[in-house]
Amino acid sequence: MLIKHHWLQNAEKILSPNHDERPDIDDISLIVIHCISLPPGEFETPHIEQLFTNQLNPEDHPYFAEIHQLQVSCHVLINRAGKITQYVPFDKRAWHAGQSEYCGRSRCNDFSIGIELEGTETTDYTEIQYLQLGKLITSLIQNYPKLNKQSITGHCDIAPGRKTDPGNSFDWLKLEGLLSSSV
């Protein structure tokens, strides 16, 4: 996967307004894996894009009434079919981690790249999602010198007690195997 000017060249680009400047552009040193489905447990809907672009209609589903005013984003979403959509360029701060801490450092959005997988904590992710995730992370490691195979974590690990994604359904060993063969 080719990254040019902090954008994936073969991904769909939909700019989220929910981002801002990083405090230190040279400190991209963490990759955070998330999962999302909207409504919860439903896939292949337009609602994730609507959430990330502040267009979620609270009347479309009872759950949306609780979340439609959130201003959140990620850098990249990988859907169930492996399609990649980029919402925020990698040199900008996406709003994906919230209150968080990693290795004694708070405010993980400042120094991380957020990757969402369409899924749930209890549903197996697809084979193509893992393949695309492996390729994406390999490209990120090649393009951002502070990233490596040890700088990948789950949302649950940086916000324990508050977040549970990507959940027990995420196969960390599978991802490690994909990265071992390419990085």
C-alpha atoms as a PDB file:
ATOM      1  CA  MET A   1       0.000   0.000   0.000  1.00  0.00           C
ATOM      2  CA  LEU A   2       1.432   3.286  -1.094  1.00  0.00           C
ATOM      3  CA  ILE A   3       1.228   6.298   1.220  1.00  0.00           C
ATOM      4  CA  LYS A   4       1.745   9.689  -0.394  1.00  0.00           C
ATOM      5  CA  HIS A   5       1.404  12.968   1.511  1.00  0.00           C
ATOM      6  CA  HIS A   6      -0.054  10.985   4.448  1.00  0.00           C
ATOM      7  CA  TRP A   7      -2.876   9.484   2.366  1.00  0.00           C
ATOM      8  CA  LEU A   8      -3.246   5.876   1.204  1.00  0.00           C
ATOM      9  CA  GLN A   9      -3.246   5.998  -2.569  1.00  0.00           C
ATOM     10  CA  ASN A  10      -5.646   3.099  -3.182  1.00  0.00           C
ATOM     11  CA  ALA A  11      -8.154   3.868  -0.439  1.00  0.00           C
ATOM     12  CA  GLU A  12     -11.405   5.731  -0.708  1.00  0.00           C
ATOM     13  CA  LYS A  13     -10.941   9.182   0.821  1.00  0.00           C
ATOM     14  CA  ILE A  14     -13.775  10.751   2.833  1.00  0.00           C
ATOM     15  CA  LEU A  15     -12.546  13.630   4.949  1.00  0.00           C
ATOM     16  CA  SER A  16     -13.867  13.726   8.500  1.00  0.00           C
ATOM     17  CA  PRO A  17     -14.106  17.145  10.121  1.00  0.00           C
ATOM     18  CA  ASN A  18     -13.231  15.460  13.422  1.00  0.00           C
ATOM     19  CA  HIS A  19      -9.485  15.954  13.471  1.00  0.00           C
ATOM     20  CA  ASP A  20      -6.928  18.607  14.246  1.00  0.00           C
ATOM     21  CA  GLU A  21      -3.187  19.192  14.321  1.00  0.00           C
ATOM     22  CA  ARG A  22      -0.864  16.834  16.171  1.00  0.00           C
ATOM     23  CA  PRO A  23       1.271  18.498  18.855  1.00  0.00           C
ATOM     24  CA  ASP A  24       4.362  16.843  17.309  1.00  0.00           C
ATOM     25  CA  ILE A  25       4.096  15.616  13.728  1.00  0.00           C
ATOM     26  CA  ASP A  26       7.287  13.572  14.152  1.00  0.00           C
ATOM     27  CA  ASP A  27       5.833  11.548  17.040  1.00  0.00           C
ATOM     28  CA  ILE A  28       3.616   9.041  15.256  1.00  0.00           C
ATOM     29  CA  SER A  29       4.581   6.103  17.450  1.00  0.00           C
ATOM     30  CA  LEU A  30       1.478   3.967  18.116  1.00  0.00           C
ATOM     31  CA  ILE A  31      -1.178   2.105  16.133  1.00  0.00           C
ATOM     32  CA  VAL A  32      -4.505   1.520  17.875  1.00  0.00           C
ATOM     33  CA  ILE A  33      -6.872  -1.197  16.623  1.00  0.00           C
ATOM     34  CA  HIS A  34     -10.595  -0.591  17.157  1.00  0.00           C
ATOM     35  CA  CYS A  35     -13.848  -2.137  16.020  1.00  0.00           C
ATOM     36  CA  ILE A  36     -17.143  -0.533  15.137  1.00  0.00           C
ATOM     37  CA  SER A  37     -20.542  -1.485  13.773  1.00  0.00           C
ATOM     38  CA  LEU A  38     -23.588   0.740  13.463  1.00  0.00           C
ATOM     39  CA  PRO A  39     -26.146  -0.077  14.628  1.00  0.00           C
ATOM     40  CA  PRO A  40     -24.270  -2.412  16.986  1.00  0.00           C
ATOM     41  CA  GLY A  41     -23.882  -5.840  15.414  1.00  0.00           C
ATOM     42  CA  GLU A  42     -25.017  -4.731  11.948  1.00  0.00           C
ATOM     43  CA  PHE A  43     -22.614  -4.552   9.028  1.00  0.00           C
ATOM     44  CA  GLU A  44     -22.486  -2.935   5.607  1.00  0.00           C
ATOM     45  CA  THR A  45     -24.538   0.112   6.557  1.00  0.00           C
ATOM     46  CA  PRO A  46     -23.780   3.776   5.737  1.00  0.00           C
ATOM     47  CA  HIS A  47     -23.867   4.719   9.402  1.00  0.00           C
ATOM     48  CA  ILE A  48     -20.152   4.499  10.250  1.00  0.00           C
ATOM     49  CA  GLU A  49     -19.366   7.050   7.548  1.00  0.00           C
ATOM     50  CA  GLN A  50     -22.248   9.186   8.784  1.00  0.00           C
ATOM     51  CA  LEU A  51     -20.879   9.082  12.342  1.00  0.00           C
ATOM     52  CA  PHE A  52     -17.357  10.048  11.247  1.00  0.00           C
ATOM     53  CA  THR A  53     -18.693  12.926   9.106  1.00  0.00           C
ATOM     54  CA  ASN A  54     -21.193  14.261  11.698  1.00  0.00           C
ATOM     55  CA  GLN A  55     -24.191  13.248   9.581  1.00  0.00           C
ATOM     56  CA  LEU A  56     -25.697  10.469  11.716  1.00  0.00           C
ATOM     57  CA  ASN A  57     -29.468  10.882  11.974  1.00  0.00           C
ATOM     58  CA  PRO A  58     -30.684  10.240  15.543  1.00  0.00           C
ATOM     59  CA  GLU A  59     -34.055   9.104  14.173  1.00  0.00           C
ATOM     60  CA  ASP A  60     -32.631   6.261  12.059  1.00  0.00           C
ATOM     61  CA  HIS A  61     -32.109   3.955  15.059  1.00  0.00           C
ATOM     62  CA  PRO A  62     -32.728   4.255  18.822  1.00  0.00           C
ATOM     63  CA  TYR A  63     -28.991   3.817  19.538  1.00  0.00           C
ATOM     64  CA  PHE A  64     -28.146   6.788  17.333  1.00  0.00           C
ATOM     65  CA  ALA A  65     -30.021   9.140  19.663  1.00  0.00           C
ATOM     66  CA  GLU A  66     -27.266   8.437  22.231  1.00  0.00           C
ATOM     67  CA  ILE A  67     -24.295   8.917  19.913  1.00  0.00           C
ATOM     68  CA  HIS A  68     -25.250  11.238  17.040  1.00  0.00           C
ATOM     69  CA  GLN A  69     -23.621  14.280  18.652  1.00  0.00           C
ATOM     70  CA  LEU A  70     -20.255  12.577  19.197  1.00  0.00           C
ATOM     71  CA  GLN A  71     -17.410  14.075  17.229  1.00  0.00           C
ATOM     72  CA  VAL A  72     -15.223  11.060  16.533  1.00  0.00           C
ATOM     73  CA  SER A  73     -13.138   9.743  13.688  1.00  0.00           C
ATOM     74  CA  CYS A  74     -10.394   7.330  12.818  1.00  0.00           C
ATOM     75  CA  HIS A  75      -7.630   7.464  10.299  1.00  0.00           C
ATOM     76  CA  VAL A  76      -8.731   4.316   8.467  1.00  0.00           C
ATOM     77  CA  LEU A  77     -11.704   1.944   8.382  1.00  0.00           C
ATOM     78  CA  ILE A  78     -11.459  -1.573   6.957  1.00  0.00           C
ATOM     79  CA  ASN A  79     -14.903  -2.985   6.235  1.00  0.00           C
ATOM     80  CA  ARG A  80     -15.909  -6.671   6.245  1.00  0.00           C
ATOM     81  CA  ALA A  81     -15.100  -7.017   2.522  1.00  0.00           C
ATOM     82  CA  GLY A  82     -11.636  -5.488   2.997  1.00  0.00           C
ATOM     83  CA  LYS A  83     -12.456  -2.097   1.493  1.00  0.00           C
ATOM     84  CA  ILE A  84     -10.327   0.642   3.024  1.00  0.00           C
ATOM     85  CA  THR A  85     -11.618   4.143   3.632  1.00  0.00           C
ATOM     86  CA  GLN A  86      -9.369   6.870   4.985  1.00  0.00           C
ATOM     87  CA  TYR A  87     -11.026   9.672   6.936  1.00  0.00           C
ATOM     88  CA  VAL A  88      -8.050  11.592   8.322  1.00  0.00           C
ATOM     89  CA  PRO A  89      -4.535  11.969   6.878  1.00  0.00           C
ATOM     90  CA  PHE A  90      -1.904  10.281   9.031  1.00  0.00           C
ATOM     91  CA  ASP A  91      -0.117  13.524   9.876  1.00  0.00           C
ATOM     92  CA  LYS A  92      -3.280  14.856  11.576  1.00  0.00           C
ATOM     93  CA  ARG A  93      -4.766  13.867  14.940  1.00  0.00           C
ATOM     94  CA  ALA A  94      -7.912  11.769  14.521  1.00  0.00           C
ATOM     95  CA  TRP A  95     -10.306  11.631  17.455  1.00  0.00           C
ATOM     96  CA  HIS A  96     -10.453   7.875  18.067  1.00  0.00           C
ATOM     97  CA  ALA A  97      -8.916   7.039  21.441  1.00  0.00           C
ATOM     98  CA  GLY A  98     -10.582   9.432  23.878  1.00  0.00           C
ATOM     99  CA  GLN A  99      -9.225   9.426  27.408  1.00  0.00           C
ATOM    100  CA  SER A 100      -6.334   6.996  27.099  1.00  0.00           C
ATOM    101  CA  GLU A 101      -2.849   6.039  28.238  1.00  0.00           C
ATOM    102  CA  TYR A 102      -0.089   3.898  26.738  1.00  0.00           C
ATOM    103  CA  CYS A 103       3.211   3.129  28.485  1.00  0.00           C
ATOM    104  CA  GLY A 104       2.754   6.060  30.849  1.00  0.00           C
ATOM    105  CA  ARG A 105       1.810   8.515  28.111  1.00  0.00           C
ATOM    106  CA  SER A 106      -1.695   9.985  28.149  1.00  0.00           C
ATOM    107  CA  ARG A 107      -3.689  11.456  25.245  1.00  0.00           C
ATOM    108  CA  CYS A 108      -2.947   8.674  22.771  1.00  0.00           C
ATOM    109  CA  ASN A 109      -4.634  10.575  19.925  1.00  0.00           C
ATOM    110  CA  ASP A 110      -1.615  12.894  19.979  1.00  0.00           C
ATOM    111  CA  PHE A 111       0.806  10.201  18.814  1.00  0.00           C
ATOM    112  CA  SER A 112      -1.260   7.359  17.358  1.00  0.00           C
ATOM    113  CA  ILE A 113      -2.934   6.179  14.189  1.00  0.00           C
ATOM    114  CA  GLY A 114      -6.436   4.795  14.719  1.00  0.00           C
ATOM    115  CA  ILE A 115      -7.594   1.871  12.596  1.00  0.00           C
ATOM    116  CA  GLU A 116     -11.219   0.723  12.803  1.00  0.00           C
ATOM    117  CA  LEU A 117     -12.293  -2.738  11.707  1.00  0.00           C
ATOM    118  CA  GLU A 118     -15.964  -3.167  10.900  1.00  0.00           C
ATOM    119  CA  GLY A 119     -16.976  -5.773  13.433  1.00  0.00           C
ATOM    120  CA  THR A 120     -17.788  -6.481  17.037  1.00  0.00           C
ATOM    121  CA  GLU A 121     -15.848  -7.721  20.026  1.00  0.00           C
ATOM    122  CA  THR A 122     -17.564 -11.127  19.707  1.00  0.00           C
ATOM    123  CA  THR A 123     -17.764 -11.657  15.930  1.00  0.00           C
ATOM    124  CA  ASP A 124     -14.816 -13.101  14.034  1.00  0.00           C
ATOM    125  CA  TYR A 125     -13.156 -10.630  11.708  1.00  0.00           C
ATOM    126  CA  THR A 126     -12.856 -11.640   8.069  1.00  0.00           C
ATOM    127  CA  GLU A 127      -9.753 -13.056   6.442  1.00  0.00           C
ATOM    128  CA  ILE A 128      -9.580 -10.131   4.020  1.00  0.00           C
ATOM    129  CA  GLN A 129      -9.715  -7.665   6.927  1.00  0.00           C
ATOM    130  CA  TYR A 130      -6.625  -9.291   8.445  1.00  0.00           C
ATOM    131  CA  LEU A 131      -4.820  -9.293   5.101  1.00  0.00           C
ATOM    132  CA  GLN A 132      -5.614  -5.628   4.500  1.00  0.00           C
ATOM    133  CA  LEU A 133      -4.710  -4.733   8.082  1.00  0.00           C
ATOM    134  CA  GLY A 134      -1.368  -6.511   7.732  1.00  0.00           C
ATOM    135  CA  LYS A 135      -0.583  -4.662   4.483  1.00  0.00           C
ATOM    136  CA  LEU A 136      -1.664  -1.341   5.980  1.00  0.00           C
ATOM    137  CA  ILE A 137       0.433  -1.739   9.122  1.00  0.00           C
ATOM    138  CA  THR A 138       3.439  -2.838   7.051  1.00  0.00           C
ATOM    139  CA  SER A 139       3.129   0.324   4.973  1.00  0.00           C
ATOM    140  CA  LEU A 140       2.721   2.495   8.072  1.00  0.00           C
ATOM    141  CA  ILE A 141       5.853   0.984   9.638  1.00  0.00           C
ATOM    142  CA  GLN A 142       7.787   1.633   6.426  1.00  0.00           C
ATOM    143  CA  ASN A 143       6.616   5.263   6.266  1.00  0.00           C
ATOM    144  CA  TYR A 144       6.714   6.386   9.893  1.00  0.00           C
ATOM    145  CA  PRO A 145      10.073   5.672  11.570  1.00  0.00           C
ATOM    146  CA  LYS A 146       8.806   5.513  15.173  1.00  0.00           C
ATOM    147  CA  LEU A 147       6.352   2.701  14.369  1.00  0.00           C
ATOM    148  CA  ASN A 148       7.270  -0.967  14.648  1.00  0.00           C
ATOM    149  CA  LYS A 149       5.595  -4.322  15.320  1.00  0.00           C
ATOM    150  CA  GLN A 150       5.712  -3.646  19.064  1.00  0.00           C
ATOM    151  CA  SER A 151       3.830  -0.340  18.765  1.00  0.00           C
ATOM    152  CA  ILE A 152       0.434  -1.906  18.004  1.00  0.00           C
ATOM    153  CA  THR A 153      -2.275  -2.170  20.637  1.00  0.00           C
ATOM    154  CA  GLY A 154      -6.020  -2.424  21.095  1.00  0.00           C
ATOM    155  CA  HIS A 155      -8.372   0.286  22.256  1.00  0.00           C
ATOM    156  CA  CYS A 156      -9.074  -1.928  25.271  1.00  0.00           C
ATOM    157  CA  ASP A 157      -5.418  -1.690  26.291  1.00  0.00           C
ATOM    158  CA  ILE A 158      -5.197   2.101  26.253  1.00  0.00           C
ATOM    159  CA  ALA A 159      -8.624   2.681  27.852  1.00  0.00           C
ATOM    160  CA  PRO A 160      -9.147  -0.339  30.129  1.00  0.00           C
ATOM    161  CA  GLY A 161     -12.462  -0.442  31.928  1.00  0.00           C
ATOM    162  CA  ARG A 162     -13.883   2.027  29.421  1.00  0.00           C
ATOM    163  CA  LYS A 163     -13.363   0.232  26.102  1.00  0.00           C
ATOM    164  CA  THR A 164     -13.312  -3.444  25.112  1.00  0.00           C
ATOM    165  CA  ASP A 165     -12.489  -3.327  21.411  1.00  0.00           C
ATOM    166  CA  PRO A 166     -11.260  -4.970  19.291  1.00  0.00           C
ATOM    167  CA  GLY A 167     -12.337  -7.712  21.699  1.00  0.00           C
ATOM    168  CA  ASN A 168     -11.680 -11.403  22.191  1.00  0.00           C
ATOM    169  CA  SER A 169     -12.649 -12.075  18.587  1.00  0.00           C
ATOM    170  CA  PHE A 170      -9.508 -10.307  17.339  1.00  0.00           C
ATOM    171  CA  ASP A 171      -6.707 -12.751  16.549  1.00  0.00           C
ATOM    172  CA  TRP A 172      -3.488 -11.014  17.583  1.00  0.00           C
ATOM    173  CA  LEU A 173      -1.399 -14.075  16.652  1.00  0.00           C
ATOM    174  CA  LYS A 174      -2.774 -14.002  13.112  1.00  0.00           C
ATOM    175  CA  LEU A 175      -1.830 -10.342  12.788  1.00  0.00           C
ATOM    176  CA  GLU A 176       1.626 -11.058  14.213  1.00  0.00           C
ATOM    177  CA  GLY A 177       2.109 -13.822  11.658  1.00  0.00           C
ATOM    178  CA  LEU A 178       1.137 -11.529   8.801  1.00  0.00           C
ATOM    179  CA  LEU A 179       3.558  -8.872  10.019  1.00  0.00           C
ATOM    180  CA  SER A 180       6.397 -11.354  10.600  1.00  0.00           C
ATOM    181  CA  SER A 181       6.280 -12.375   6.972  1.00  0.00           C
ATOM    182  CA  SER A 182       6.299  -8.814   5.661  1.00  0.00           C
ATOM    183  CA  VAL A 183       8.142  -6.486   8.073  1.00  0.00           C
END
